[in-house]
PDB file of N, CA and C in Angstrom:
ATOM      1  N   ASP A   1     -12.924 -10.089  -8.229  1.00  0.00           N
ATOM      2  CA  ASP A   1     -13.112  -8.668  -8.051  1.00  0.00           C
ATOM      3  C   ASP A   1     -11.971  -8.119  -7.202  1.00  0.00           C
ATOM      4  N   LEU A   2     -11.553  -6.934  -7.532  1.00  0.00           N
ATOM      5  CA  LEU A   2     -10.379  -6.331  -6.891  1.00  0.00           C
ATOM      6  C   LEU A   2     -10.559  -6.069  -5.397  1.00  0.00           C
ATOM      7  N   PRO A   3     -11.678  -5.509  -4.926  1.00  0.00           N
ATOM      8  CA  PRO A   3     -11.815  -5.301  -3.475  1.00  0.00           C
ATOM      9  C   PRO A   3     -11.729  -6.604  -2.679  1.00  0.00           C
ATOM     10  N   GLY A   4     -12.336  -7.663  -3.187  1.00  0.00           N
ATOM     11  CA  GLY A   4     -12.270  -8.956  -2.506  1.00  0.00           C
ATOM     12  C   GLY A   4     -10.866  -9.528  -2.502  1.00  0.00           C
ATOM     13  N   ALA A   5     -10.163  -9.403  -3.615  1.00  0.00           N
ATOM     14  CA  ALA A   5      -8.791  -9.906  -3.705  1.00  0.00           C
ATOM     15  C   ALA A   5      -7.879  -9.160  -2.739  1.00  0.00           C
ATOM     16  N   ARG A   6      -8.043  -7.851  -2.651  1.00  0.00           N
ATOM     17  CA  ARG A   6      -7.217  -7.055  -1.729  1.00  0.00           C
ATOM     18  C   ARG A   6      -7.460  -7.477  -0.284  1.00  0.00           C
ATOM     19  N   LYS A   7      -8.713  -7.648   0.088  1.00  0.00           N
ATOM     20  CA  LYS A   7      -9.048  -8.041   1.454  1.00  0.00           C
ATOM     21  C   LYS A   7      -8.518  -9.441   1.757  1.00  0.00           C
ATOM     22  N   PHE A   8      -8.673 -10.350   0.823  1.00  0.00           N
ATOM     23  CA  PHE A   8      -8.224 -11.728   0.990  1.00  0.00           C
ATOM     24  C   PHE A   8      -6.704 -11.805   1.170  1.00  0.00           C
ATOM     25  N   CYS A   9      -5.984 -10.901   0.516  1.00  0.00           N
ATOM     26  CA  CYS A   9      -4.518 -10.904   0.596  1.00  0.00           C
ATOM     27  C   CYS A   9      -3.983 -10.028   1.722  1.00  0.00           C
ATOM     28  N   GLY A  10      -4.858  -9.365   2.475  1.00  0.00           N
ATOM     29  CA  GLY A  10      -4.430  -8.589   3.632  1.00  0.00           C
ATOM     30  C   GLY A  10      -4.278  -7.104   3.403  1.00  0.00           C
ATOM     31  N   PHE A  11      -4.579  -6.622   2.208  1.00  0.00           N
ATOM     32  CA  PHE A  11      -4.432  -5.198   1.920  1.00  0.00           C
ATOM     33  C   PHE A  11      -5.674  -4.429   2.329  1.00  0.00           C
ATOM     34  N   ARG A  12      -5.467  -3.159   2.577  1.00  0.00           N
ATOM     35  CA  ARG A  12      -6.558  -2.263   2.946  1.00  0.00           C
ATOM     36  C   ARG A  12      -7.326  -1.833   1.695  1.00  0.00           C
ATOM     37  N   SER A  13      -8.448  -1.206   1.879  1.00  0.00           N
ATOM     38  CA  SER A  13      -9.291  -0.739   0.787  1.00  0.00           C
ATOM     39  C   SER A  13      -8.607   0.360  -0.025  1.00  0.00           C
ATOM     40  N   PHE A  14      -9.052   0.527  -1.245  1.00  0.00           N
ATOM     41  CA  PHE A  14      -8.542   1.605  -2.094  1.00  0.00           C
ATOM     42  C   PHE A  14      -8.924   2.973  -1.556  1.00  0.00           C
ATOM     43  N   LYS A  15      -9.802   3.039  -0.569  1.00  0.00           N
ATOM     44  CA  LYS A  15     -10.200   4.309   0.040  1.00  0.00           C
ATOM     45  C   LYS A  15      -9.233   4.759   1.127  1.00  0.00           C
ATOM     46  N   HIS A  16      -8.283   3.911   1.491  1.00  0.00           N
ATOM     47  CA  HIS A  16      -7.317   4.214   2.546  1.00  0.00           C
ATOM     48  C   HIS A  16      -6.306   5.253   2.058  1.00  0.00           C
ATOM     49  N   THR A  17      -5.595   5.875   2.986  1.00  0.00           N
ATOM     50  CA  THR A  17      -4.562   6.856   2.633  1.00  0.00           C
ATOM     51  C   THR A  17      -3.490   6.229   1.742  1.00  0.00           C
ATOM     52  N   VAL A  18      -3.030   5.031   2.089  1.00  0.00           N
ATOM     53  CA  VAL A  18      -2.103   4.278   1.229  1.00  0.00           C
ATOM     54  C   VAL A  18      -2.997   3.342   0.425  1.00  0.00           C
ATOM     55  N   PHE A  19      -3.461   3.817  -0.723  1.00  0.00           N
ATOM     56  CA  PHE A  19      -4.553   3.151  -1.428  1.00  0.00           C
ATOM     57  C   PHE A  19      -4.135   2.064  -2.405  1.00  0.00           C
ATOM     58  N   CYS A  20      -2.865   1.937  -2.682  1.00  0.00           N
ATOM     59  CA  CYS A  20      -2.420   1.015  -3.722  1.00  0.00           C
ATOM     60  C   CYS A  20      -1.771  -0.232  -3.121  1.00  0.00           C
ATOM     61  N   ASN A  21      -2.055  -1.394  -3.688  1.00  0.00           N
ATOM     62  CA  ASN A  21      -1.416  -2.614  -3.214  1.00  0.00           C
ATOM     63  C   ASN A  21      -0.153  -2.947  -4.003  1.00  0.00           C
ATOM     64  N   LEU A  22       0.166  -2.166  -5.026  1.00  0.00           N
ATOM     65  CA  LEU A  22       1.367  -2.405  -5.816  1.00  0.00           C
ATOM     66  C   LEU A  22       2.477  -1.392  -5.549  1.00  0.00           C
ATOM     67  N   CYS A  23       2.115  -0.218  -5.095  1.00  0.00           N
ATOM     68  CA  CYS A  23       3.130   0.803  -4.816  1.00  0.00           C
ATOM     69  C   CYS A  23       2.749   1.557  -3.537  1.00  0.00           C
ATOM     70  N   TRP A  24       3.585   2.509  -3.153  1.00  0.00           N
ATOM     71  CA  TRP A  24       3.370   3.261  -1.911  1.00  0.00           C
ATOM     72  C   TRP A  24       2.715   4.619  -2.169  1.00  0.00           C
ATOM     73  N   CYS A  25       1.954   4.750  -3.270  1.00  0.00           N
ATOM     74  CA  CYS A  25       1.227   5.998  -3.537  1.00  0.00           C
ATOM     75  C   CYS A  25       0.293   6.307  -2.378  1.00  0.00           C
ATOM     76  N   GLN A  26       0.178   7.591  -2.077  1.00  0.00           N
ATOM     77  CA  GLN A  26      -0.680   8.005  -0.977  1.00  0.00           C
ATOM     78  C   GLN A  26      -1.602   9.126  -1.430  1.00  0.00           C
ATOM     79  N   LYS A  27      -2.696   9.280  -0.721  1.00  0.00           N
ATOM     80  CA  LYS A  27      -3.643  10.346  -1.055  1.00  0.00           C
ATOM     81  C   LYS A  27      -3.090  11.721  -0.723  1.00  0.00           C
ATOM     82  N   TYR A  28      -2.205  11.779   0.257  1.00  0.00           N
ATOM     83  CA  TYR A  28      -1.659  13.066   0.687  1.00  0.00           C
ATOM     84  C   TYR A  28      -0.143  13.043   0.561  1.00  0.00           C
ATOM     85  N   THR A  29       0.426  14.139   0.080  1.00  0.00           N
ATOM     86  CA  THR A  29       1.867  14.265  -0.083  1.00  0.00           C
ATOM     87  C   THR A  29       2.332  15.530   0.623  1.00  0.00           C
ATOM     88  N   THR A  30       3.499  15.469   1.236  1.00  0.00           N
ATOM     89  CA  THR A  30       4.085  16.644   1.869  1.00  0.00           C
ATOM     90  C   THR A  30       4.945  17.370   0.844  1.00  0.00           C
ATOM     91  N   VAL A  31       4.656  18.646   0.635  1.00  0.00           N
ATOM     92  CA  VAL A  31       5.376  19.471  -0.333  1.00  0.00           C
ATOM     93  C   VAL A  31       6.097  20.579   0.418  1.00  0.00           C
ATOM     94  N   THR A  32       7.379  20.790   0.091  1.00  0.00           N
ATOM     95  CA  THR A  32       8.146  21.872   0.705  1.00  0.00           C
ATOM     96  C   THR A  32       7.997  23.126  -0.148  1.00  0.00           C
ATOM     97  N   LYS A  33       7.543  24.204   0.469  1.00  0.00           N
ATOM     98  CA  LYS A  33       7.360  25.478  -0.226  1.00  0.00           C
ATOM     99  C   LYS A  33       8.711  26.187  -0.365  1.00  0.00           C
ATOM    100  N   PRO A  34       8.789  27.200  -1.238  1.00  0.00           N
ATOM    101  CA  PRO A  34      10.039  27.948  -1.406  1.00  0.00           C
ATOM    102  C   PRO A  34      10.550  28.600  -0.114  1.00  0.00           C
ATOM    103  N   ASP A  35       9.635  28.942   0.806  1.00  0.00           N
ATOM    104  CA  ASP A  35      10.073  29.573   2.058  1.00  0.00           C
ATOM    105  C   ASP A  35      10.535  28.542   3.096  1.00  0.00           C
ATOM    106  N   GLY A  36      10.524  27.250   2.721  1.00  0.00           N
ATOM    107  CA  GLY A  36      11.024  26.207   3.616  1.00  0.00           C
ATOM    108  C   GLY A  36       9.966  25.518   4.449  1.00  0.00           C
ATOM    109  N   THR A  37       8.757  26.058   4.449  1.00  0.00           N
ATOM    110  CA  THR A  37       7.685  25.415   5.211  1.00  0.00           C
ATOM    111  C   THR A  37       7.115  24.244   4.410  1.00  0.00           C
ATOM    112  N   GLU A  38       6.515  23.323   5.131  1.00  0.00           N
ATOM    113  CA  GLU A  38       5.926  22.163   4.472  1.00  0.00           C
ATOM    114  C   GLU A  38       4.409  22.256   4.486  1.00  0.00           C
ATOM    115  N   GLU A  39       3.815  21.760   3.433  1.00  0.00           N
ATOM    116  CA  GLU A  39       2.365  21.776   3.310  1.00  0.00           C
ATOM    117  C   GLU A  39       1.901  20.390   2.873  1.00  0.00           C
ATOM    118  N   ILE A  40       0.819  19.922   3.459  1.00  0.00           N
ATOM    119  CA  ILE A  40       0.252  18.637   3.062  1.00  0.00           C
ATOM    120  C   ILE A  40      -0.749  18.892   1.948  1.00  0.00           C
ATOM    121  N   VAL A  41      -0.523  18.240   0.815  1.00  0.00           N
ATOM    122  CA  VAL A  41      -1.343  18.440  -0.369  1.00  0.00           C
ATOM    123  C   VAL A  41      -2.037  17.125  -0.711  1.00  0.00           C
ATOM    124  N   LYS A  42      -3.316  17.202  -1.026  1.00  0.00           N
ATOM    125  CA  LYS A  42      -4.042  15.999  -1.423  1.00  0.00           C
ATOM    126  C   LYS A  42      -3.795  15.747  -2.904  1.00  0.00           C
ATOM    127  N   THR A  43      -3.007  14.716  -3.196  1.00  0.00           N
ATOM    128  CA  THR A  43      -2.758  14.336  -4.582  1.00  0.00           C
ATOM    129  C   THR A  43      -3.717  13.245  -5.011  1.00  0.00           C
ATOM    130  N   GLY A  44      -3.984  12.342  -4.092  1.00  0.00           N
ATOM    131  CA  GLY A  44      -4.947  11.282  -4.348  1.00  0.00           C
ATOM    132  C   GLY A  44      -4.662  10.494  -5.597  1.00  0.00           C
ATOM    133  N   TYR A  45      -5.693  10.271  -6.371  1.00  0.00           N
ATOM    134  CA  TYR A  45      -5.571   9.462  -7.576  1.00  0.00           C
ATOM    135  C   TYR A  45      -5.091  10.283  -8.774  1.00  0.00           C
ATOM    136  N   ASN A  46      -4.735  11.536  -8.551  1.00  0.00           N
ATOM    137  CA  ASN A  46      -4.294  12.407  -9.639  1.00  0.00           C
ATOM    138  C   ASN A  46      -2.782  12.475  -9.776  1.00  0.00           C
ATOM    139  N   ASP A  47      -2.059  11.676  -9.024  1.00  0.00           N
ATOM    140  CA  ASP A  47      -0.597  11.689  -9.080  1.00  0.00           C
ATOM    141  C   ASP A  47      -0.134  10.783 -10.219  1.00  0.00           C
ATOM    142  N   PHE A  48       0.094  11.377 -11.375  1.00  0.00           N
ATOM    143  CA  PHE A  48       0.512  10.611 -12.546  1.00  0.00           C
ATOM    144  C   PHE A  48       2.017  10.675 -12.769  1.00  0.00           C
ATOM    145  N   ASP A  49       2.753  11.095 -11.757  1.00  0.00           N
ATOM    146  CA  ASP A  49       4.213  11.157 -11.842  1.00  0.00           C
ATOM    147  C   ASP A  49       4.778   9.760 -11.576  1.00  0.00           C
ATOM    148  N   THR A  50       4.690   8.901 -12.579  1.00  0.00           N
ATOM    149  CA  THR A  50       5.073   7.496 -12.412  1.00  0.00           C
ATOM    150  C   THR A  50       6.550   7.313 -12.092  1.00  0.00           C
ATOM    151  N   GLU A  51       7.358   8.308 -12.391  1.00  0.00           N
ATOM    152  CA  GLU A  51       8.794   8.225 -12.085  1.00  0.00           C
ATOM    153  C   GLU A  51       9.034   8.124 -10.583  1.00  0.00           C
ATOM    154  N   ASN A  52       8.134   8.699  -9.797  1.00  0.00           N
ATOM    155  CA  ASN A  52       8.312   8.727  -8.343  1.00  0.00           C
ATOM    156  C   ASN A  52       7.463   7.699  -7.599  1.00  0.00           C
ATOM    157  N   TRP A  53       6.817   6.814  -8.304  1.00  0.00           N
ATOM    158  CA  TRP A  53       6.063   5.758  -7.635  1.00  0.00           C
ATOM    159  C   TRP A  53       7.042   4.705  -7.140  1.00  0.00           C
ATOM    160  N   ARG A  54       7.076   4.493  -5.841  1.00  0.00           N
ATOM    161  CA  ARG A  54       7.970   3.474  -5.274  1.00  0.00           C
ATOM    162  C   ARG A  54       7.178   2.177  -5.142  1.00  0.00           C
ATOM    163  N   PRO A  55       7.583   1.142  -5.879  1.00  0.00           N
ATOM    164  CA  PRO A  55       6.813  -0.106  -5.815  1.00  0.00           C
ATOM    165  C   PRO A  55       6.948  -0.808  -4.472  1.00  0.00           C
ATOM    166  N   ARG A  56       5.908  -1.510  -4.081  1.00  0.00           N
ATOM    167  CA  ARG A  56       5.975  -2.362  -2.896  1.00  0.00           C
ATOM    168  C   ARG A  56       6.775  -3.607  -3.266  1.00  0.00           C
ATOM    169  N   THR A  57       7.419  -4.190  -2.276  1.00  0.00           N
ATOM    170  CA  THR A  57       8.135  -5.444  -2.505  1.00  0.00           C
ATOM    171  C   THR A  57       7.530  -6.533  -1.633  1.00  0.00           C
ATOM    172  N   ASN A  58       7.786  -7.757  -2.013  1.00  0.00           N
ATOM    173  CA  ASN A  58       7.327  -8.898  -1.233  1.00  0.00           C
ATOM    174  C   ASN A  58       7.900  -8.832   0.181  1.00  0.00           C
ATOM    175  N   ASP A  59       9.185  -8.494   0.293  1.00  0.00           N
ATOM    176  CA  ASP A  59       9.827  -8.416   1.613  1.00  0.00           C
ATOM    177  C   ASP A  59       9.178  -7.358   2.501  1.00  0.00           C
ATOM    178  N   GLU A  60       8.880  -6.185   1.923  1.00  0.00           N
ATOM    179  CA  GLU A  60       8.218  -5.127   2.700  1.00  0.00           C
ATOM    180  C   GLU A  60       6.837  -5.578   3.177  1.00  0.00           C
ATOM    181  N   CYS A  61       6.084  -6.180   2.288  1.00  0.00           N
ATOM    182  CA  CYS A  61       4.734  -6.630   2.652  1.00  0.00           C
ATOM    183  C   CYS A  61       4.794  -7.682   3.749  1.00  0.00           C
ATOM    184  N   ARG A  62       5.708  -8.619   3.619  1.00  0.00           N
ATOM    185  CA  ARG A  62       5.845  -9.664   4.639  1.00  0.00           C
ATOM    186  C   ARG A  62       6.320  -9.070   5.966  1.00  0.00           C
ATOM    187  N   HIS A  63       7.209  -8.087   5.894  1.00  0.00           N
ATOM    188  CA  HIS A  63       7.705  -7.433   7.107  1.00  0.00           C
ATOM    189  C   HIS A  63       6.553  -6.782   7.873  1.00  0.00           C
ATOM    190  N   TRP A  64       5.766  -5.952   7.180  1.00  0.00           N
ATOM    191  CA  TRP A  64       4.667  -5.246   7.838  1.00  0.00           C
ATOM    192  C   TRP A  64       3.574  -6.199   8.297  1.00  0.00           C
ATOM    193  N   ALA A  65       3.289  -7.221   7.497  1.00  0.00           N
ATOM    194  CA  ALA A  65       2.257  -8.191   7.876  1.00  0.00           C
ATOM    195  C   ALA A  65       2.677  -8.983   9.112  1.00  0.00           C
ATOM    196  N   THR A  66       3.947  -9.335   9.189  1.00  0.00           N
ATOM    197  CA  THR A  66       4.449 -10.063  10.356  1.00  0.00           C
ATOM    198  C   THR A  66       4.423  -9.173  11.592  1.00  0.00           C
ATOM    199  N   LYS A  67       4.792  -7.888  11.428  1.00  0.00           N
ATOM    200  CA  LYS A  67       4.708  -6.955  12.555  1.00  0.00           C
ATOM    201  C   LYS A  67       3.266  -6.849  13.045  1.00  0.00           C
ATOM    202  N   TRP A  68       2.330  -6.768  12.113  1.00  0.00           N
ATOM    203  CA  TRP A  68       0.914  -6.700  12.475  1.00  0.00           C
ATOM    204  C   TRP A  68       0.498  -7.962  13.231  1.00  0.00           C
ATOM    205  N   PHE A  69       0.921  -9.122  12.736  1.00  0.00           N
ATOM    206  CA  PHE A  69       0.543 -10.410  13.327  1.00  0.00           C
ATOM    207  C   PHE A  69       1.064 -10.557  14.753  1.00  0.00           C
ATOM    208  N   ASP A  70       2.295 -10.101  14.993  1.00  0.00           N
ATOM    209  CA  ASP A  70       2.948 -10.263  16.295  1.00  0.00           C
ATOM    210  C   ASP A  70       2.607  -9.158  17.293  1.00  0.00           C
ATOM    211  N   ALA A  71       1.953  -8.106  16.844  1.00  0.00           N
ATOM    212  CA  ALA A  71       1.732  -6.924  17.687  1.00  0.00           C
ATOM    213  C   ALA A  71       0.499  -7.060  18.574  1.00  0.00           C
ATOM    214  N   SER A  72       0.461  -6.179  19.578  1.00  0.00           N
ATOM    215  CA  SER A  72      -0.746  -6.059  20.396  1.00  0.00           C
ATOM    216  C   SER A  72      -1.838  -5.430  19.534  1.00  0.00           C
ATOM    217  N   LYS A  73      -3.058  -5.440  20.018  1.00  0.00           N
ATOM    218  CA  LYS A  73      -4.181  -4.919  19.237  1.00  0.00           C
ATOM    219  C   LYS A  73      -3.977  -3.450  18.863  1.00  0.00           C
ATOM    220  N   GLN A  74      -3.495  -2.655  19.815  1.00  0.00           N
ATOM    221  CA  GLN A  74      -3.288  -1.222  19.567  1.00  0.00           C
ATOM    222  C   GLN A  74      -2.152  -1.000  18.567  1.00  0.00           C
ATOM    223  N   ASP A  75      -1.031  -1.713  18.746  1.00  0.00           N
ATOM    224  CA  ASP A  75       0.091  -1.572  17.818  1.00  0.00           C
ATOM    225  C   ASP A  75      -0.272  -2.090  16.430  1.00  0.00           C
ATOM    226  N   ALA A  76      -1.025  -3.178  16.381  1.00  0.00           N
ATOM    227  CA  ALA A  76      -1.438  -3.736  15.091  1.00  0.00           C
ATOM    228  C   ALA A  76      -2.266  -2.718  14.311  1.00  0.00           C
ATOM    229  N   LYS A  77      -3.120  -2.001  15.008  1.00  0.00           N
ATOM    230  CA  LYS A  77      -3.937  -0.971  14.355  1.00  0.00           C
ATOM    231  C   LYS A  77      -3.045   0.122  13.758  1.00  0.00           C
ATOM    232  N   ALA A  78      -2.013   0.523  14.494  1.00  0.00           N
ATOM    233  CA  ALA A  78      -1.079   1.547  14.004  1.00  0.00           C
ATOM    234  C   ALA A  78      -0.281   1.039  12.802  1.00  0.00           C
ATOM    235  N   TYR A  79       0.171  -0.206  12.853  1.00  0.00           N
ATOM    236  CA  TYR A  79       0.912  -0.777  11.719  1.00  0.00           C
ATOM    237  C   TYR A  79       0.029  -0.851  10.474  1.00  0.00           C
ATOM    238  N   PHE A  80      -1.217  -1.231  10.672  1.00  0.00           N
ATOM    239  CA  PHE A  80      -2.145  -1.337   9.547  1.00  0.00           C
ATOM    240  C   PHE A  80      -2.430   0.034   8.951  1.00  0.00           C
ATOM    241  N   GLN A  81      -2.508   1.051   9.795  1.00  0.00           N
ATOM    242  CA  GLN A  81      -2.723   2.422   9.324  1.00  0.00           C
ATOM    243  C   GLN A  81      -1.524   2.904   8.507  1.00  0.00           C
ATOM    244  N   THR A  82      -0.321   2.543   8.942  1.00  0.00           N
ATOM    245  CA  THR A  82       0.903   2.983   8.270  1.00  0.00           C
ATOM    246  C   THR A  82       1.142   2.258   6.952  1.00  0.00           C
ATOM    247  N   SER A  83       0.992   0.945   6.969  1.00  0.00           N
ATOM    248  CA  SER A  83       1.393   0.137   5.819  1.00  0.00           C
ATOM    249  C   SER A  83       0.246  -0.309   4.926  1.00  0.00           C
ATOM    250  N   ALA A  84      -0.975  -0.271   5.436  1.00  0.00           N
ATOM    251  CA  ALA A  84      -2.167  -0.720   4.715  1.00  0.00           C
ATOM    252  C   ALA A  84      -2.117  -2.209   4.381  1.00  0.00           C
ATOM    253  N   ILE A  85      -1.386  -2.984   5.175  1.00  0.00           N
ATOM    254  CA  ILE A  85      -1.379  -4.437   4.990  1.00  0.00           C
ATOM    255  C   ILE A  85      -1.379  -5.112   6.352  1.00  0.00           C
ATOM    256  N   ARG A  86      -2.080  -6.222   6.418  1.00  0.00           N
ATOM    257  CA  ARG A  86      -2.112  -7.029   7.637  1.00  0.00           C
ATOM    258  C   ARG A  86      -1.854  -8.481   7.238  1.00  0.00           C
ATOM    259  N   TRP A  87      -1.786  -9.338   8.223  1.00  0.00           N
ATOM    260  CA  TRP A  87      -1.475 -10.742   7.974  1.00  0.00           C
ATOM    261  C   TRP A  87      -2.592 -11.412   7.177  1.00  0.00           C
ATOM    262  N   SER A  88      -2.188 -12.248   6.241  1.00  0.00           N
ATOM    263  CA  SER A  88      -3.096 -13.102   5.492  1.00  0.00           C
ATOM    264  C   SER A  88      -2.540 -14.518   5.563  1.00  0.00           C
ATOM    265  N   GLU A  89      -3.396 -15.489   5.648  1.00  0.00           N
ATOM    266  CA  GLU A  89      -2.941 -16.885   5.695  1.00  0.00           C
ATOM    267  C   GLU A  89      -2.178 -17.263   4.433  1.00  0.00           C
ATOM    268  N   LEU A  90      -2.390 -16.542   3.352  1.00  0.00           N
ATOM    269  CA  LEU A  90      -1.637 -16.811   2.123  1.00  0.00           C
ATOM    270  C   LEU A  90      -0.141 -16.580   2.315  1.00  0.00           C
ATOM    271  N   LEU A  91       0.226 -15.741   3.273  1.00  0.00           N
ATOM    272  CA  LEU A  91       1.643 -15.462   3.512  1.00  0.00           C
ATOM    273  C   LEU A  91       2.375 -16.652   4.127  1.00  0.00           C
ATOM    274  N   ARG A  92       1.640 -17.653   4.570  1.00  0.00           N
ATOM    275  CA  ARG A  92       2.290 -18.885   5.038  1.00  0.00           C
ATOM    276  C   ARG A  92       2.902 -19.659   3.874  1.00  0.00           C
ATOM    277  N   LEU A  93       2.401 -19.410   2.677  1.00  0.00           N
ATOM    278  CA  LEU A  93       2.942 -20.063   1.487  1.00  0.00           C
ATOM    279  C   LEU A  93       4.225 -19.346   1.085  1.00  0.00           C
ATOM    280  N   PRO A  94       5.369 -20.020   1.093  1.00  0.00           N
ATOM    281  CA  PRO A  94       6.640 -19.336   0.821  1.00  0.00           C
ATOM    282  C   PRO A  94       6.728 -18.728  -0.578  1.00  0.00           C
ATOM    283  N   TYR A  95       5.998 -19.263  -1.528  1.00  0.00           N
ATOM    284  CA  TYR A  95       6.057 -18.767  -2.900  1.00  0.00           C
ATOM    285  C   TYR A  95       5.078 -17.624  -3.163  1.00  0.00           C
ATOM    286  N   PHE A  96       4.175 -17.355  -2.229  1.00  0.00           N
ATOM    287  CA  PHE A  96       3.163 -16.327  -2.462  1.00  0.00           C
ATOM    288  C   PHE A  96       3.765 -14.938  -2.339  1.00  0.00           C
ATOM    289  N   ASP A  97       3.589 -14.137  -3.361  1.00  0.00           N
ATOM    290  CA  ASP A  97       4.067 -12.754  -3.383  1.00  0.00           C
ATOM    291  C   ASP A  97       2.845 -11.842  -3.556  1.00  0.00           C
ATOM    292  N   PRO A  98       2.435 -11.151  -2.490  1.00  0.00           N
ATOM    293  CA  PRO A  98       1.216 -10.338  -2.582  1.00  0.00           C
ATOM    294  C   PRO A  98       1.309  -9.187  -3.576  1.00  0.00           C
ATOM    295  N   THR A  99       2.508  -8.803  -3.960  1.00  0.00           N
ATOM    296  CA  THR A  99       2.647  -7.707  -4.922  1.00  0.00           C
ATOM    297  C   THR A  99       2.546  -8.190  -6.363  1.00  0.00           C
ATOM    298  N   ARG A 100       2.645  -9.485  -6.578  1.00  0.00           N
ATOM    299  CA  ARG A 100       2.617 -10.012  -7.942  1.00  0.00           C
ATOM    300  C   ARG A 100       1.457 -10.960  -8.214  1.00  0.00           C
ATOM    301  N   MET A 101       0.807 -11.445  -7.172  1.00  0.00           N
ATOM    302  CA  MET A 101      -0.190 -12.493  -7.369  1.00  0.00           C
ATOM    303  C   MET A 101      -1.619 -12.034  -7.092  1.00  0.00           C
ATOM    304  N   ILE A 102      -1.860 -10.744  -7.265  1.00  0.00           N
ATOM    305  CA  ILE A 102      -3.208 -10.183  -7.173  1.00  0.00           C
ATOM    306  C   ILE A 102      -3.525  -9.587  -8.538  1.00  0.00           C
ATOM    307  N   VAL A 103      -4.796  -9.579  -8.883  1.00  0.00           N
ATOM    308  CA  VAL A 103      -5.213  -8.985 -10.149  1.00  0.00           C
ATOM    309  C   VAL A 103      -4.702  -7.551 -10.224  1.00  0.00           C
ATOM    310  N   VAL A 104      -4.173  -7.167 -11.370  1.00  0.00           N
ATOM    311  CA  VAL A 104      -3.653  -5.813 -11.549  1.00  0.00           C
ATOM    312  C   VAL A 104      -4.816  -4.842 -11.680  1.00  0.00           C
ATOM    313  N   ASP A 105      -4.716  -3.737 -10.948  1.00  0.00           N
ATOM    314  CA  ASP A 105      -5.781  -2.741 -11.019  1.00  0.00           C
ATOM    315  C   ASP A 105      -5.618  -1.885 -12.273  1.00  0.00           C
ATOM    316  N   PRO A 106      -6.680  -1.245 -12.727  1.00  0.00           N
ATOM    317  CA  PRO A 106      -6.636  -0.477 -13.972  1.00  0.00           C
ATOM    318  C   PRO A 106      -5.589   0.631 -13.998  1.00  0.00           C
ATOM    319  N   MET A 107      -5.334   1.309 -12.869  1.00  0.00           N
ATOM    320  CA  MET A 107      -4.365   2.404 -12.862  1.00  0.00           C
ATOM    321  C   MET A 107      -2.991   1.908 -13.321  1.00  0.00           C
ATOM    322  N   HIS A 108      -2.523   0.816 -12.762  1.00  0.00           N
ATOM    323  CA  HIS A 108      -1.203   0.313 -13.128  1.00  0.00           C
ATOM    324  C   HIS A 108      -1.229  -0.375 -14.488  1.00  0.00           C
ATOM    325  N   ASN A 109      -2.330  -1.011 -14.810  1.00  0.00           N
ATOM    326  CA  ASN A 109      -2.430  -1.700 -16.083  1.00  0.00           C
ATOM    327  C   ASN A 109      -2.413  -0.712 -17.245  1.00  0.00           C
ATOM    328  N   LEU A 110      -3.160   0.379 -17.134  1.00  0.00           N
ATOM    329  CA  LEU A 110      -3.241   1.351 -18.221  1.00  0.00           C
ATOM    330  C   LEU A 110      -2.019   2.255 -18.295  1.00  0.00           C
ATOM    331  N   LEU A 111      -1.500   2.685 -17.139  1.00  0.00           N
ATOM    332  CA  LEU A 111      -0.400   3.641 -17.144  1.00  0.00           C
ATOM    333  C   LEU A 111       0.968   2.986 -17.290  1.00  0.00           C
ATOM    334  N   LEU A 112       1.131   1.798 -16.757  1.00  0.00           N
ATOM    335  CA  LEU A 112       2.441   1.151 -16.787  1.00  0.00           C
ATOM    336  C   LEU A 112       2.503  -0.015 -17.763  1.00  0.00           C
ATOM    337  N   GLY A 113       1.375  -0.395 -18.302  1.00  0.00           N
ATOM    338  CA  GLY A 113       1.350  -1.478 -19.292  1.00  0.00           C
ATOM    339  C   GLY A 113       1.449  -2.795 -18.656  1.00  0.00           C
TER     340      GLY A 113
END
């Protein structure tokens, strides 16, 4: 099951602001208005602009997970809020890639093939 796999691999729930374990899609996006002001817009799961989805990489996931592992409790909480990933014992395996070795969720499977 996907929620269990995400938790086991160190990723946050799909209910988090950074809800995807394969890309950096977020529930909220900052949009610049014509007058130059910025507005936070809730895009959530309705952002089908696949051209702008920035995929997560193994290096990024390992970087954030290691920062979480080495941090104090307060800093670790902030890192987890920012990146939606924390340390998993699976990351001790040099061949394990959390972006490629988790079951693909339906959004990426249906939209990206």
